[in-house]
C-alpha cells in the first residue's frame, strides 16, 4: 500500500535574488514554485490529493507547505514570519 504523507514541507534556496524580491510580499518566482510543487505532488500521488497551505520566501530562500486535501480543513491559524 502506498504511503501518502499528511504534510509536505519544501525548502529551496537561491530562487530569486533580484532586488525586487526584497519589496514584494509574494514574488512571481514564489508563485511559480508553489504551482510547480503542487503539480508534481498531484502527479506523484494523484489529482486532488494535496492542497497548498502557505509559503514564505526571503529573497533566495523559499519554504512551502502542502497538506493532504482530506486534512486541509483541520488546519487553521497559519502564521509565517
C-alpha atoms as a PDB file:
ATOM      1  CA  UNK A   1       0.000   0.000   0.000  1.00  0.00           C
ATOM      2  CA  UNK A   2       1.268   3.453  -0.921  1.00  0.00           C
ATOM      3  CA  UNK A   3       2.156   5.748   1.971  1.00  0.00           C
ATOM      4  CA  UNK A   4       0.977   9.319   1.391  1.00  0.00           C
ATOM      5  CA  UNK A   5       2.414  11.942   3.746  1.00  0.00           C
ATOM      6  CA  UNK A   6      -0.007  14.217   5.615  1.00  0.00           C
ATOM      7  CA  UNK A   7       2.220  17.284   5.341  1.00  0.00           C
ATOM      8  CA  UNK A   8       4.922  18.126   2.823  1.00  0.00           C
ATOM      9  CA  UNK A   9       7.302  20.982   3.579  1.00  0.00           C
ATOM     10  CA  UNK A  10       9.620  22.067   0.785  1.00  0.00           C
ATOM     11  CA  UNK A  11      12.646  24.281   1.267  1.00  0.00           C
ATOM     12  CA  UNK A  12      14.638  25.798  -1.584  1.00  0.00           C
ATOM     13  CA  UNK A  13      17.439  28.294  -1.813  1.00  0.00           C
ATOM     14  CA  UNK A  14      18.686  30.707  -4.470  1.00  0.00           C
ATOM     15  CA  UNK A  15      15.246  31.031  -6.131  1.00  0.00           C
ATOM     16  CA  UNK A  16      15.031  34.818  -6.545  1.00  0.00           C
ATOM     17  CA  UNK A  17      17.990  37.092  -5.980  1.00  0.00           C
ATOM     18  CA  UNK A  18      16.671  40.150  -7.831  1.00  0.00           C
ATOM     19  CA  UNK A  19      16.473  43.414  -5.845  1.00  0.00           C
ATOM     20  CA  UNK A  20      12.689  43.472  -6.399  1.00  0.00           C
ATOM     21  CA  UNK A  21      12.388  40.288  -4.311  1.00  0.00           C
ATOM     22  CA  UNK A  22      13.003  42.415  -1.220  1.00  0.00           C
ATOM     23  CA  UNK A  23       9.959  44.570  -1.942  1.00  0.00           C
ATOM     24  CA  UNK A  24       7.046  42.244  -2.703  1.00  0.00           C
ATOM     25  CA  UNK A  25       5.070  40.028  -0.342  1.00  0.00           C
ATOM     26  CA  UNK A  26       4.948  37.101  -2.810  1.00  0.00           C
ATOM     27  CA  UNK A  27       7.238  37.188  -5.807  1.00  0.00           C
ATOM     28  CA  UNK A  28       6.334  35.741  -9.182  1.00  0.00           C
ATOM     29  CA  UNK A  29       9.017  33.089  -8.640  1.00  0.00           C
ATOM     30  CA  UNK A  30       7.415  32.054  -5.332  1.00  0.00           C
ATOM     31  CA  UNK A  31       4.028  31.768  -7.046  1.00  0.00           C
ATOM     32  CA  UNK A  32       5.626  29.695  -9.812  1.00  0.00           C
ATOM     33  CA  UNK A  33       7.318  27.344  -7.309  1.00  0.00           C
ATOM     34  CA  UNK A  34       4.020  26.888  -5.440  1.00  0.00           C
ATOM     35  CA  UNK A  35       2.391  25.803  -8.687  1.00  0.00           C
ATOM     36  CA  UNK A  36       5.264  23.550  -9.795  1.00  0.00           C
ATOM     37  CA  UNK A  37       5.428  21.761  -6.453  1.00  0.00           C
ATOM     38  CA  UNK A  38       1.663  21.274  -6.211  1.00  0.00           C
ATOM     39  CA  UNK A  39       1.521  19.997  -9.797  1.00  0.00           C
ATOM     40  CA  UNK A  40       4.228  17.447  -9.047  1.00  0.00           C
ATOM     41  CA  UNK A  41       2.603  16.319  -5.804  1.00  0.00           C
ATOM     42  CA  UNK A  42      -0.630  15.750  -7.783  1.00  0.00           C
ATOM     43  CA  UNK A  43       1.329  13.846 -10.439  1.00  0.00           C
ATOM     44  CA  UNK A  44       3.052  11.625  -7.872  1.00  0.00           C
ATOM     45  CA  UNK A  45       0.112  10.977  -5.522  1.00  0.00           C
ATOM     46  CA  UNK A  46      -2.937  11.679  -7.713  1.00  0.00           C
ATOM     47  CA  UNK A  47      -5.004  14.728  -8.598  1.00  0.00           C
ATOM     48  CA  UNK A  48      -6.711  16.384  -5.679  1.00  0.00           C
ATOM     49  CA  UNK A  49      -4.588  14.599  -3.079  1.00  0.00           C
ATOM     50  CA  UNK A  50      -2.730  17.745  -1.944  1.00  0.00           C
ATOM     51  CA  UNK A  51      -3.620  21.344  -1.198  1.00  0.00           C
ATOM     52  CA  UNK A  52      -1.335  24.353  -0.988  1.00  0.00           C
ATOM     53  CA  UNK A  53      -1.393  25.889   2.522  1.00  0.00           C
ATOM     54  CA  UNK A  54       1.191  28.655   2.621  1.00  0.00           C
ATOM     55  CA  UNK A  55       4.627  29.687   1.509  1.00  0.00           C
ATOM     56  CA  UNK A  56       7.178  32.231   2.502  1.00  0.00           C
ATOM     57  CA  UNK A  57      10.281  33.474   0.790  1.00  0.00           C
ATOM     58  CA  UNK A  58      13.022  35.864   1.721  1.00  0.00           C
ATOM     59  CA  UNK A  59      14.973  36.805  -1.362  1.00  0.00           C
ATOM     60  CA  UNK A  60      16.588  33.472  -2.318  1.00  0.00           C
ATOM     61  CA  UNK A  61      15.109  31.240   0.391  1.00  0.00           C
ATOM     62  CA  UNK A  62      11.709  29.571  -0.103  1.00  0.00           C
ATOM     63  CA  UNK A  63       9.592  27.400   2.205  1.00  0.00           C
ATOM     64  CA  UNK A  64       6.250  25.954   1.106  1.00  0.00           C
ATOM     65  CA  UNK A  65       3.677  23.893   2.993  1.00  0.00           C
ATOM     66  CA  UNK A  66       1.296  21.459   1.320  1.00  0.00           C
ATOM     67  CA  UNK A  67      -1.118  19.062   3.027  1.00  0.00           C
ATOM     68  CA  UNK A  68      -3.271  16.117   2.079  1.00  0.00           C
ATOM     69  CA  UNK A  69      -6.588  17.533   0.918  1.00  0.00           C
ATOM     70  CA  UNK A  70      -8.504  15.326   3.365  1.00  0.00           C
ATOM     71  CA  UNK A  71      -6.949  17.129   6.340  1.00  0.00           C
ATOM     72  CA  UNK A  72      -6.784  20.664   4.946  1.00  0.00           C
ATOM     73  CA  UNK A  73      -9.966  21.627   6.801  1.00  0.00           C
ATOM     74  CA  UNK A  74      -8.320  20.701  10.106  1.00  0.00           C
ATOM     75  CA  UNK A  75      -5.520  23.225   9.650  1.00  0.00           C
ATOM     76  CA  UNK A  76      -6.044  26.753  10.944  1.00  0.00           C
ATOM     77  CA  UNK A  77      -4.193  29.627  12.499  1.00  0.00           C
ATOM     78  CA  UNK A  78      -1.401  29.584   9.921  1.00  0.00           C
ATOM     79  CA  UNK A  79       1.240  32.202  10.636  1.00  0.00           C
ATOM     80  CA  UNK A  80       4.504  32.839   8.848  1.00  0.00           C
ATOM     81  CA  UNK A  81       7.245  35.299   9.659  1.00  0.00           C
END
